Amino acid sequence: MRHTNASLLIAQGVDVRTVASLLGHAQASTTLDIYAHAFDKNKRKAQEKLGKAIGL
């Protein structure tokens, strides 16, 4: 449930510091290390949005 919770929050665009805080991680880098795969999906979404914004 913990992993699912974090992954869903990240997928909804919740910032890493907030997710880290909710998980009890002292450092956001811990969250990034563990959930890097989920943030990669957000990067792709951001790239797609940028592409649409500039007409690609």
N, C-alpha and C. Protein backbone atom coordinates (compact mmCIF):
# COMPACT_ATOMS: atom_id res chain seq x y z
N MET A 1 0.82 -1.19 0.00
CA MET A 1 0.00 0.00 0.00
C MET A 1 0.87 1.26 0.00
N ARG A 2 1.97 1.22 0.69
CA ARG A 2 2.85 2.38 0.77
C ARG A 2 3.39 2.75 -0.60
N HIS A 3 3.88 1.75 -1.33
CA HIS A 3 4.42 1.98 -2.66
C HIS A 3 3.33 2.47 -3.62
N THR A 4 2.18 1.86 -3.54
CA THR A 4 1.05 2.28 -4.39
C THR A 4 0.67 3.71 -4.08
N ASN A 5 0.58 4.05 -2.81
CA ASN A 5 0.25 5.41 -2.39
C ASN A 5 1.24 6.41 -2.98
N ALA A 6 2.51 6.14 -2.80
CA ALA A 6 3.54 7.06 -3.31
C ALA A 6 3.47 7.16 -4.83
N SER A 7 3.34 6.04 -5.50
CA SER A 7 3.29 6.04 -6.96
C SER A 7 2.09 6.81 -7.49
N LEU A 8 0.95 6.65 -6.84
CA LEU A 8 -0.26 7.37 -7.27
C LEU A 8 -0.12 8.87 -7.03
N LEU A 9 0.46 9.25 -5.92
CA LEU A 9 0.67 10.67 -5.64
C LEU A 9 1.59 11.30 -6.69
N ILE A 10 2.66 10.60 -7.00
CA ILE A 10 3.62 11.09 -7.99
C ILE A 10 2.95 11.19 -9.35
N ALA A 11 2.17 10.18 -9.71
CA ALA A 11 1.47 10.17 -11.01
C ALA A 11 0.49 11.34 -11.13
N GLN A 12 -0.03 11.80 -10.00
CA GLN A 12 -0.97 12.93 -10.01
C GLN A 12 -0.25 14.28 -9.97
N GLY A 13 1.08 14.23 -9.96
CA GLY A 13 1.85 15.47 -10.01
C GLY A 13 2.18 16.08 -8.67
N VAL A 14 2.00 15.34 -7.60
CA VAL A 14 2.36 15.87 -6.28
C VAL A 14 3.88 15.98 -6.23
N ASP A 15 4.37 17.10 -5.73
CA ASP A 15 5.82 17.33 -5.73
C ASP A 15 6.54 16.37 -4.80
N VAL A 16 7.81 16.15 -5.10
CA VAL A 16 8.61 15.14 -4.38
C VAL A 16 8.76 15.47 -2.90
N ARG A 17 8.86 16.73 -2.54
CA ARG A 17 9.01 17.07 -1.12
C ARG A 17 7.76 16.69 -0.32
N THR A 18 6.61 16.89 -0.92
CA THR A 18 5.37 16.53 -0.24
C THR A 18 5.26 15.02 -0.09
N VAL A 19 5.57 14.30 -1.16
CA VAL A 19 5.52 12.83 -1.10
C VAL A 19 6.51 12.32 -0.06
N ALA A 20 7.72 12.88 -0.07
CA ALA A 20 8.74 12.47 0.90
C ALA A 20 8.25 12.69 2.33
N SER A 21 7.63 13.83 2.55
CA SER A 21 7.12 14.15 3.88
C SER A 21 6.05 13.15 4.31
N LEU A 22 5.14 12.86 3.42
CA LEU A 22 4.07 11.92 3.74
C LEU A 22 4.59 10.51 4.01
N LEU A 23 5.70 10.15 3.36
CA LEU A 23 6.29 8.83 3.56
C LEU A 23 7.21 8.78 4.78
N GLY A 24 7.52 9.96 5.32
CA GLY A 24 8.40 10.01 6.47
C GLY A 24 9.88 10.00 6.10
N HIS A 25 10.18 10.29 4.84
CA HIS A 25 11.58 10.36 4.42
C HIS A 25 12.16 11.71 4.85
N ALA A 26 13.31 11.67 5.47
CA ALA A 26 13.96 12.90 5.92
C ALA A 26 14.49 13.70 4.73
N GLN A 27 14.86 13.02 3.67
CA GLN A 27 15.42 13.66 2.49
C GLN A 27 14.58 13.32 1.26
N ALA A 28 14.29 14.31 0.44
CA ALA A 28 13.55 14.06 -0.80
C ALA A 28 14.35 13.15 -1.72
N SER A 29 15.67 13.16 -1.60
CA SER A 29 16.51 12.30 -2.44
C SER A 29 16.22 10.82 -2.19
N THR A 30 15.83 10.47 -0.97
CA THR A 30 15.46 9.09 -0.68
C THR A 30 14.24 8.70 -1.50
N THR A 31 13.27 9.56 -1.55
CA THR A 31 12.06 9.31 -2.33
C THR A 31 12.40 9.20 -3.80
N LEU A 32 13.23 10.10 -4.28
CA LEU A 32 13.64 10.06 -5.69
C LEU A 32 14.36 8.76 -6.02
N ASP A 33 15.22 8.30 -5.14
CA ASP A 33 15.96 7.05 -5.37
C ASP A 33 15.01 5.86 -5.46
N ILE A 34 14.04 5.81 -4.58
CA ILE A 34 13.14 4.65 -4.51
C ILE A 34 12.08 4.69 -5.60
N TYR A 35 11.59 5.88 -5.92
CA TYR A 35 10.46 6.00 -6.85
C TYR A 35 10.86 6.67 -8.17
N ALA A 36 12.10 6.52 -8.57
CA ALA A 36 12.59 7.15 -9.79
C ALA A 36 11.75 6.76 -11.00
N HIS A 37 11.31 5.52 -11.06
CA HIS A 37 10.52 5.06 -12.21
C HIS A 37 9.23 5.86 -12.36
N ALA A 38 8.62 6.21 -11.25
CA ALA A 38 7.37 6.97 -11.30
C ALA A 38 7.62 8.39 -11.78
N PHE A 39 8.75 8.97 -11.38
CA PHE A 39 9.07 10.32 -11.83
C PHE A 39 9.43 10.33 -13.31
N ASP A 40 9.98 9.23 -13.81
CA ASP A 40 10.29 9.14 -15.25
C ASP A 40 9.02 9.27 -16.08
N LYS A 41 7.94 8.69 -15.61
CA LYS A 41 6.66 8.81 -16.32
C LYS A 41 6.20 10.26 -16.33
N ASN A 42 6.40 10.96 -15.23
CA ASN A 42 6.02 12.38 -15.18
C ASN A 42 6.86 13.21 -16.13
N LYS A 43 8.14 12.84 -16.30
CA LYS A 43 9.00 13.56 -17.24
C LYS A 43 8.45 13.42 -18.65
N ARG A 44 8.02 12.23 -19.00
CA ARG A 44 7.47 12.01 -20.34
C ARG A 44 6.20 12.84 -20.53
N LYS A 45 5.35 12.87 -19.51
CA LYS A 45 4.12 13.67 -19.59
C LYS A 45 4.46 15.14 -19.78
N ALA A 46 5.46 15.63 -19.05
CA ALA A 46 5.86 17.03 -19.15
C ALA A 46 6.39 17.33 -20.55
N GLN A 47 7.16 16.42 -21.12
CA GLN A 47 7.68 16.62 -22.46
C GLN A 47 6.55 16.66 -23.49
N GLU A 48 5.57 15.79 -23.31
CA GLU A 48 4.42 15.79 -24.22
C GLU A 48 3.65 17.11 -24.13
N LYS A 49 3.45 17.60 -22.91
CA LYS A 49 2.74 18.86 -22.73
C LYS A 49 3.51 20.02 -23.36
N LEU A 50 4.82 20.01 -23.20
CA LEU A 50 5.64 21.06 -23.79
C LEU A 50 5.54 20.99 -25.31
N GLY A 51 5.60 19.79 -25.86
CA GLY A 51 5.48 19.63 -27.29
C GLY A 51 4.17 20.17 -27.82
N LYS A 52 3.08 19.90 -27.11
CA LYS A 52 1.78 20.42 -27.51
C LYS A 52 1.74 21.94 -27.41
N ALA A 53 2.35 22.47 -26.38
CA ALA A 53 2.34 23.92 -26.17
C ALA A 53 3.07 24.67 -27.27
N ILE A 54 4.11 24.03 -27.81
CA ILE A 54 4.88 24.72 -28.87
C ILE A 54 4.50 24.21 -30.26
N GLY A 55 3.45 23.40 -30.33
CA GLY A 55 2.91 22.99 -31.62
C GLY A 55 3.60 21.83 -32.29
N LEU A 56 4.21 20.96 -31.54
CA LEU A 56 4.86 19.77 -32.12
C LEU A 56 3.95 18.57 -32.10
